[in-house]
Amino acid sequence: MYMNFADREMFAYNSYREKQKAEIDRINAHPEQRMKYCFSFMEGADDQTREKCYNLIAQYSAQLDSSEAHF
């Protein structure tokens, strides 16, 4: 079967996106990793954004039962 260039490019893109999504899902399966990502995101944020994020992180970490993210 013959595939044209556009089809091959779309196949390669979709394959890459599936792998990328699987990796993100694997990382996000662990609450501690999500918390780590939030803190790394806030490094360059302004004070207002940082305050909002810290408040939401506190709410989220209070919901975690088996995680040490709240310590």
PDB file of N, CA and C in Angstrom:
ATOM      1  N   MET A   1       0.838  -1.175   0.000  1.00  0.00           N
ATOM      2  CA  MET A   1       0.000   0.000   0.000  1.00  0.00           C
ATOM      3  C   MET A   1       0.888   1.245   0.000  1.00  0.00           C
ATOM      4  N   TYR A   2       0.517   2.192  -0.782  1.00  0.00           N
ATOM      5  CA  TYR A   2       1.283   3.420  -0.921  1.00  0.00           C
ATOM      6  C   TYR A   2       0.709   4.489   0.005  1.00  0.00           C
ATOM      7  N   MET A   3       1.587   5.129   0.779  1.00  0.00           N
ATOM      8  CA  MET A   3       1.176   6.244   1.640  1.00  0.00           C
ATOM      9  C   MET A   3       1.833   7.514   1.118  1.00  0.00           C
ATOM     10  N   ASN A   4       1.063   8.550   0.999  1.00  0.00           N
ATOM     11  CA  ASN A   4       1.669   9.799   0.556  1.00  0.00           C
ATOM     12  C   ASN A   4       2.353  10.482   1.744  1.00  0.00           C
ATOM     13  N   PHE A   5       3.054  11.534   1.469  1.00  0.00           N
ATOM     14  CA  PHE A   5       3.852  12.231   2.481  1.00  0.00           C
ATOM     15  C   PHE A   5       2.982  12.766   3.621  1.00  0.00           C
ATOM     16  N   ALA A   6       1.839  13.351   3.280  1.00  0.00           N
ATOM     17  CA  ALA A   6       0.955  13.926   4.300  1.00  0.00           C
ATOM     18  C   ALA A   6       0.445  12.848   5.250  1.00  0.00           C
ATOM     19  N   ASP A   7       0.108  11.683   4.715  1.00  0.00           N
ATOM     20  CA  ASP A   7      -0.357  10.579   5.560  1.00  0.00           C
ATOM     21  C   ASP A   7       0.739  10.105   6.507  1.00  0.00           C
ATOM     22  N   ARG A   8       1.959  10.006   6.002  1.00  0.00           N
ATOM     23  CA  ARG A   8       3.080   9.581   6.851  1.00  0.00           C
ATOM     24  C   ARG A   8       3.348  10.602   7.945  1.00  0.00           C
ATOM     25  N   GLU A   9       3.276  11.881   7.599  1.00  0.00           N
ATOM     26  CA  GLU A   9       3.488  12.929   8.590  1.00  0.00           C
ATOM     27  C   GLU A   9       2.410  12.888   9.668  1.00  0.00           C
ATOM     28  N   MET A  10       1.163  12.700   9.258  1.00  0.00           N
ATOM     29  CA  MET A  10       0.066  12.643  10.226  1.00  0.00           C
ATOM     30  C   MET A  10       0.211  11.408  11.113  1.00  0.00           C
ATOM     31  N   PHE A  11       0.605  10.286  10.545  1.00  0.00           N
ATOM     32  CA  PHE A  11       0.820   9.078  11.333  1.00  0.00           C
ATOM     33  C   PHE A  11       1.933   9.297  12.351  1.00  0.00           C
ATOM     34  N   ALA A  12       3.019   9.905  11.930  1.00  0.00           N
ATOM     35  CA  ALA A  12       4.140  10.167  12.838  1.00  0.00           C
ATOM     36  C   ALA A  12       3.714  11.131  13.943  1.00  0.00           C
ATOM     37  N   TYR A  13       2.961  12.153  13.595  1.00  0.00           N
ATOM     38  CA  TYR A  13       2.488  13.119  14.592  1.00  0.00           C
ATOM     39  C   TYR A  13       1.563  12.443  15.601  1.00  0.00           C
ATOM     40  N   ASN A  14       0.614  11.657  15.121  1.00  0.00           N
ATOM     41  CA  ASN A  14      -0.319  10.972  16.015  1.00  0.00           C
ATOM     42  C   ASN A  14       0.407   9.988  16.924  1.00  0.00           C
ATOM     43  N   SER A  15       1.379   9.307  16.395  1.00  0.00           N
ATOM     44  CA  SER A  15       2.165   8.377  17.199  1.00  0.00           C
ATOM     45  C   SER A  15       2.920   9.111  18.297  1.00  0.00           C
ATOM     46  N   TYR A  16       3.521  10.237  17.949  1.00  0.00           N
ATOM     47  CA  TYR A  16       4.237  11.052  18.930  1.00  0.00           C
ATOM     48  C   TYR A  16       3.291  11.557  20.006  1.00  0.00           C
ATOM     49  N   ARG A  17       2.121  12.059  19.610  1.00  0.00           N
ATOM     50  CA  ARG A  17       1.143  12.582  20.573  1.00  0.00           C
ATOM     51  C   ARG A  17       0.651  11.483  21.516  1.00  0.00           C
ATOM     52  N   GLU A  18       0.439  10.277  20.999  1.00  0.00           N
ATOM     53  CA  GLU A  18       0.000   9.167  21.849  1.00  0.00           C
ATOM     54  C   GLU A  18       1.061   8.822  22.884  1.00  0.00           C
ATOM     55  N   LYS A  19       2.317   8.792  22.468  1.00  0.00           N
ATOM     56  CA  LYS A  19       3.408   8.513  23.405  1.00  0.00           C
ATOM     57  C   LYS A  19       3.517   9.620  24.442  1.00  0.00           C
ATOM     58  N   GLN A  20       3.397  10.868  23.999  1.00  0.00           N
ATOM     59  CA  GLN A  20       3.479  12.010  24.898  1.00  0.00           C
ATOM     60  C   GLN A  20       2.337  11.986  25.913  1.00  0.00           C
ATOM     61  N   LYS A  21       1.127  11.692  25.452  1.00  0.00           N
ATOM     62  CA  LYS A  21      -0.018  11.634  26.347  1.00  0.00           C
ATOM     63  C   LYS A  21       0.131  10.490  27.345  1.00  0.00           C
ATOM     64  N   ALA A  22       0.631   9.354  26.908  1.00  0.00           N
ATOM     65  CA  ALA A  22       0.843   8.227  27.818  1.00  0.00           C
ATOM     66  C   ALA A  22       1.856   8.589  28.901  1.00  0.00           C
ATOM     67  N   GLU A  23       2.896   9.312  28.534  1.00  0.00           N
ATOM     68  CA  GLU A  23       3.909   9.731  29.507  1.00  0.00           C
ATOM     69  C   GLU A  23       3.317  10.735  30.498  1.00  0.00           C
ATOM     70  N   ILE A  24       2.533  11.675  30.022  1.00  0.00           N
ATOM     71  CA  ILE A  24       1.888  12.651  30.905  1.00  0.00           C
ATOM     72  C   ILE A  24       0.912  11.948  31.847  1.00  0.00           C
ATOM     73  N   ASP A  25       0.137  11.001  31.325  1.00  0.00           N
ATOM     74  CA  ASP A  25      -0.795  10.247  32.166  1.00  0.00           C
ATOM     75  C   ASP A  25      -0.048   9.448  33.230  1.00  0.00           C
ATOM     76  N   ARG A  26       1.095   8.883  32.870  1.00  0.00           N
ATOM     77  CA  ARG A  26       1.894   8.120  33.827  1.00  0.00           C
ATOM     78  C   ARG A  26       2.401   9.030  34.945  1.00  0.00           C
ATOM     79  N   ILE A  27       2.869  10.201  34.577  1.00  0.00           N
ATOM     80  CA  ILE A  27       3.378  11.149  35.570  1.00  0.00           C
ATOM     81  C   ILE A  27       2.248  11.652  36.461  1.00  0.00           C
ATOM     82  N   ASN A  28       1.116  11.992  35.855  1.00  0.00           N
ATOM     83  CA  ASN A  28      -0.001  12.540  36.615  1.00  0.00           C
ATOM     84  C   ASN A  28      -0.713  11.512  37.481  1.00  0.00           C
ATOM     85  N   ALA A  29      -0.384  10.247  37.320  1.00  0.00           N
ATOM     86  CA  ALA A  29      -0.996   9.214  38.148  1.00  0.00           C
ATOM     87  C   ALA A  29      -0.516   9.309  39.593  1.00  0.00           C
ATOM     88  N   HIS A  30       0.573  10.013  39.829  1.00  0.00           N
ATOM     89  CA  HIS A  30       1.135  10.149  41.167  1.00  0.00           C
ATOM     90  C   HIS A  30       0.900  11.571  41.669  1.00  0.00           C
ATOM     91  N   PRO A  31       0.164  11.723  42.773  1.00  0.00           N
ATOM     92  CA  PRO A  31      -0.131  13.071  43.291  1.00  0.00           C
ATOM     93  C   PRO A  31       1.126  13.887  43.576  1.00  0.00           C
ATOM     94  N   GLU A  32       2.181  13.236  44.037  1.00  0.00           N
ATOM     95  CA  GLU A  32       3.403  13.966  44.355  1.00  0.00           C
ATOM     96  C   GLU A  32       4.008  14.601  43.111  1.00  0.00           C
ATOM     97  N   GLN A  33       3.900  13.919  41.988  1.00  0.00           N
ATOM     98  CA  GLN A  33       4.422  14.469  40.738  1.00  0.00           C
ATOM     99  C   GLN A  33       3.613  15.682  40.299  1.00  0.00           C
ATOM    100  N   ARG A  34       2.305  15.622  40.501  1.00  0.00           N
ATOM    101  CA  ARG A  34       1.472  16.774  40.153  1.00  0.00           C
ATOM    102  C   ARG A  34       1.849  17.974  41.010  1.00  0.00           C
ATOM    103  N   MET A  35       2.099  17.727  42.286  1.00  0.00           N
ATOM    104  CA  MET A  35       2.488  18.811  43.188  1.00  0.00           C
ATOM    105  C   MET A  35       3.837  19.396  42.761  1.00  0.00           C
ATOM    106  N   LYS A  36       4.769  18.528  42.414  1.00  0.00           N
ATOM    107  CA  LYS A  36       6.091  18.984  41.978  1.00  0.00           C
ATOM    108  C   LYS A  36       5.960  19.863  40.737  1.00  0.00           C
ATOM    109  N   TYR A  37       5.107  19.453  39.807  1.00  0.00           N
ATOM    110  CA  TYR A  37       4.895  20.236  38.597  1.00  0.00           C
ATOM    111  C   TYR A  37       4.321  21.615  38.938  1.00  0.00           C
ATOM    112  N   CYS A  38       3.382  21.661  39.861  1.00  0.00           N
ATOM    113  CA  CYS A  38       2.781  22.942  40.256  1.00  0.00           C
ATOM    114  C   CYS A  38       3.835  23.885  40.815  1.00  0.00           C
ATOM    115  N   PHE A  39       4.703  23.366  41.672  1.00  0.00           N
ATOM    116  CA  PHE A  39       5.726  24.225  42.263  1.00  0.00           C
ATOM    117  C   PHE A  39       6.738  24.689  41.216  1.00  0.00           C
ATOM    118  N   SER A  40       7.078  23.828  40.276  1.00  0.00           N
ATOM    119  CA  SER A  40       8.019  24.255  39.239  1.00  0.00           C
ATOM    120  C   SER A  40       7.369  25.286  38.316  1.00  0.00           C
ATOM    121  N   PHE A  41       6.070  25.182  38.107  1.00  0.00           N
ATOM    122  CA  PHE A  41       5.340  26.149  37.287  1.00  0.00           C
ATOM    123  C   PHE A  41       5.365  27.527  37.931  1.00  0.00           C
ATOM    124  N   MET A  42       5.298  27.571  39.257  1.00  0.00           N
ATOM    125  CA  MET A  42       5.193  28.849  39.964  1.00  0.00           C
ATOM    126  C   MET A  42       6.514  29.597  40.080  1.00  0.00           C
ATOM    127  N   GLU A  43       7.615  29.009  39.704  1.00  0.00           N
ATOM    128  CA  GLU A  43       8.904  29.682  39.852  1.00  0.00           C
ATOM    129  C   GLU A  43       8.953  31.032  39.148  1.00  0.00           C
ATOM    130  N   GLY A  44       8.334  31.135  37.995  1.00  0.00           N
ATOM    131  CA  GLY A  44       8.380  32.393  37.250  1.00  0.00           C
ATOM    132  C   GLY A  44       7.112  33.216  37.343  1.00  0.00           C
ATOM    133  N   ALA A  45       6.207  32.825  38.250  1.00  0.00           N
ATOM    134  CA  ALA A  45       4.906  33.490  38.326  1.00  0.00           C
ATOM    135  C   ALA A  45       4.962  34.754  39.180  1.00  0.00           C
ATOM    136  N   ASP A  46       3.990  35.623  38.957  1.00  0.00           N
ATOM    137  CA  ASP A  46       3.882  36.835  39.778  1.00  0.00           C
ATOM    138  C   ASP A  46       3.230  36.491  41.122  1.00  0.00           C
ATOM    139  N   ASP A  47       3.176  37.465  42.019  1.00  0.00           N
ATOM    140  CA  ASP A  47       2.684  37.220  43.381  1.00  0.00           C
ATOM    141  C   ASP A  47       1.218  36.787  43.414  1.00  0.00           C
ATOM    142  N   GLN A  48       0.396  37.394  42.587  1.00  0.00           N
ATOM    143  CA  GLN A  48      -1.032  37.063  42.577  1.00  0.00           C
ATOM    144  C   GLN A  48      -1.253  35.621  42.107  1.00  0.00           C
ATOM    145  N   THR A  49      -0.572  35.232  41.045  1.00  0.00           N
ATOM    146  CA  THR A  49      -0.686  33.864  40.545  1.00  0.00           C
ATOM    147  C   THR A  49      -0.146  32.876  41.568  1.00  0.00           C
ATOM    148  N   ARG A  50       0.960  33.222  42.175  1.00  0.00           N
ATOM    149  CA  ARG A  50       1.564  32.350  43.181  1.00  0.00           C
ATOM    150  C   ARG A  50       0.613  32.141  44.363  1.00  0.00           C
ATOM    151  N   GLU A  51      -0.048  33.206  44.802  1.00  0.00           N
ATOM    152  CA  GLU A  51      -0.986  33.092  45.918  1.00  0.00           C
ATOM    153  C   GLU A  51      -2.153  32.171  45.563  1.00  0.00           C
ATOM    154  N   LYS A  52      -2.710  32.345  44.365  1.00  0.00           N
ATOM    155  CA  LYS A  52      -3.809  31.481  43.924  1.00  0.00           C
ATOM    156  C   LYS A  52      -3.364  30.020  43.883  1.00  0.00           C
ATOM    157  N   CYS A  53      -2.168  29.791  43.348  1.00  0.00           N
ATOM    158  CA  CYS A  53      -1.677  28.424  43.223  1.00  0.00           C
ATOM    159  C   CYS A  53      -1.433  27.790  44.593  1.00  0.00           C
ATOM    160  N   TYR A  54      -0.821  28.533  45.503  1.00  0.00           N
ATOM    161  CA  TYR A  54      -0.570  27.989  46.839  1.00  0.00           C
ATOM    162  C   TYR A  54      -1.881  27.640  47.540  1.00  0.00           C
ATOM    163  N   ASN A  55      -2.891  28.479  47.398  1.00  0.00           N
ATOM    164  CA  ASN A  55      -4.185  28.192  48.014  1.00  0.00           C
ATOM    165  C   ASN A  55      -4.806  26.921  47.441  1.00  0.00           C
ATOM    166  N   LEU A  56      -4.753  26.768  46.133  1.00  0.00           N
ATOM    167  CA  LEU A  56      -5.315  25.570  45.504  1.00  0.00           C
ATOM    168  C   LEU A  56      -4.489  24.329  45.825  1.00  0.00           C
ATOM    169  N   ILE A  57      -3.180  24.470  45.907  1.00  0.00           N
ATOM    170  CA  ILE A  57      -2.335  23.341  46.282  1.00  0.00           C
ATOM    171  C   ILE A  57      -2.667  22.892  47.703  1.00  0.00           C
ATOM    172  N   ALA A  58      -2.891  23.844  48.597  1.00  0.00           N
ATOM    173  CA  ALA A  58      -3.252  23.504  49.977  1.00  0.00           C
ATOM    174  C   ALA A  58      -4.578  22.756  50.020  1.00  0.00           C
ATOM    175  N   GLN A  59      -5.558  23.202  49.236  1.00  0.00           N
ATOM    176  CA  GLN A  59      -6.846  22.502  49.183  1.00  0.00           C
ATOM    177  C   GLN A  59      -6.677  21.091  48.635  1.00  0.00           C
ATOM    178  N   TYR A  60      -5.892  20.964  47.563  1.00  0.00           N
ATOM    179  CA  TYR A  60      -5.682  19.659  46.940  1.00  0.00           C
ATOM    180  C   TYR A  60      -4.927  18.719  47.878  1.00  0.00           C
ATOM    181  N   SER A  61      -3.890  19.213  48.516  1.00  0.00           N
ATOM    182  CA  SER A  61      -3.086  18.346  49.373  1.00  0.00           C
ATOM    183  C   SER A  61      -3.863  17.911  50.606  1.00  0.00           C
ATOM    184  N   ALA A  62      -4.839  18.702  51.040  1.00  0.00           N
ATOM    185  CA  ALA A  62      -5.672  18.311  52.172  1.00  0.00           C
ATOM    186  C   ALA A  62      -6.549  17.111  51.815  1.00  0.00           C
ATOM    187  N   GLN A  63      -6.814  16.895  50.543  1.00  0.00           N
ATOM    188  CA  GLN A  63      -7.644  15.783  50.101  1.00  0.00           C
ATOM    189  C   GLN A  63      -6.862  14.478  49.960  1.00  0.00           C
ATOM    190  N   LEU A  64      -5.556  14.563  49.951  1.00  0.00           N
ATOM    191  CA  LEU A  64      -4.741  13.364  49.769  1.00  0.00           C
ATOM    192  C   LEU A  64      -4.659  12.582  51.073  1.00  0.00           C
ATOM    193  N   ASP A  65      -4.966  11.316  51.002  1.00  0.00           N
ATOM    194  CA  ASP A  65      -4.939  10.486  52.208  1.00  0.00           C
ATOM    195  C   ASP A  65      -3.599   9.798  52.396  1.00  0.00           C
ATOM    196  N   SER A  66      -3.111   9.177  51.337  1.00  0.00           N
ATOM    197  CA  SER A  66      -1.920   8.330  51.468  1.00  0.00           C
ATOM    198  C   SER A  66      -0.648   9.019  50.988  1.00  0.00           C
ATOM    199  N   SER A  67      -0.717  10.312  50.745  1.00  0.00           N
ATOM    200  CA  SER A  67       0.422  11.025  50.201  1.00  0.00           C
ATOM    201  C   SER A  67       1.127  11.821  51.298  1.00  0.00           C
ATOM    202  N   GLU A  68       2.396  12.015  51.125  1.00  0.00           N
ATOM    203  CA  GLU A  68       3.152  12.860  52.033  1.00  0.00           C
ATOM    204  C   GLU A  68       3.305  14.260  51.465  1.00  0.00           C
ATOM    205  N   ALA A  69       2.553  14.597  50.421  1.00  0.00           N
ATOM    206  CA  ALA A  69       2.659  15.896  49.768  1.00  0.00           C
ATOM    207  C   ALA A  69       2.230  17.026  50.704  1.00  0.00           C
ATOM    208  N   HIS A  70       1.425  16.732  51.712  1.00  0.00           N
ATOM    209  CA  HIS A  70       0.935  17.784  52.591  1.00  0.00           C
ATOM    210  C   HIS A  70       1.927  18.131  53.704  1.00  0.00           C
ATOM    211  N   PHE A  71       3.020  17.402  53.810  1.00  0.00           N
ATOM    212  CA  PHE A  71       4.008  17.681  54.865  1.00  0.00           C
ATOM    213  C   PHE A  71       4.981  18.734  54.425  1.00  0.00           C
TER     214      PHE A  71
END
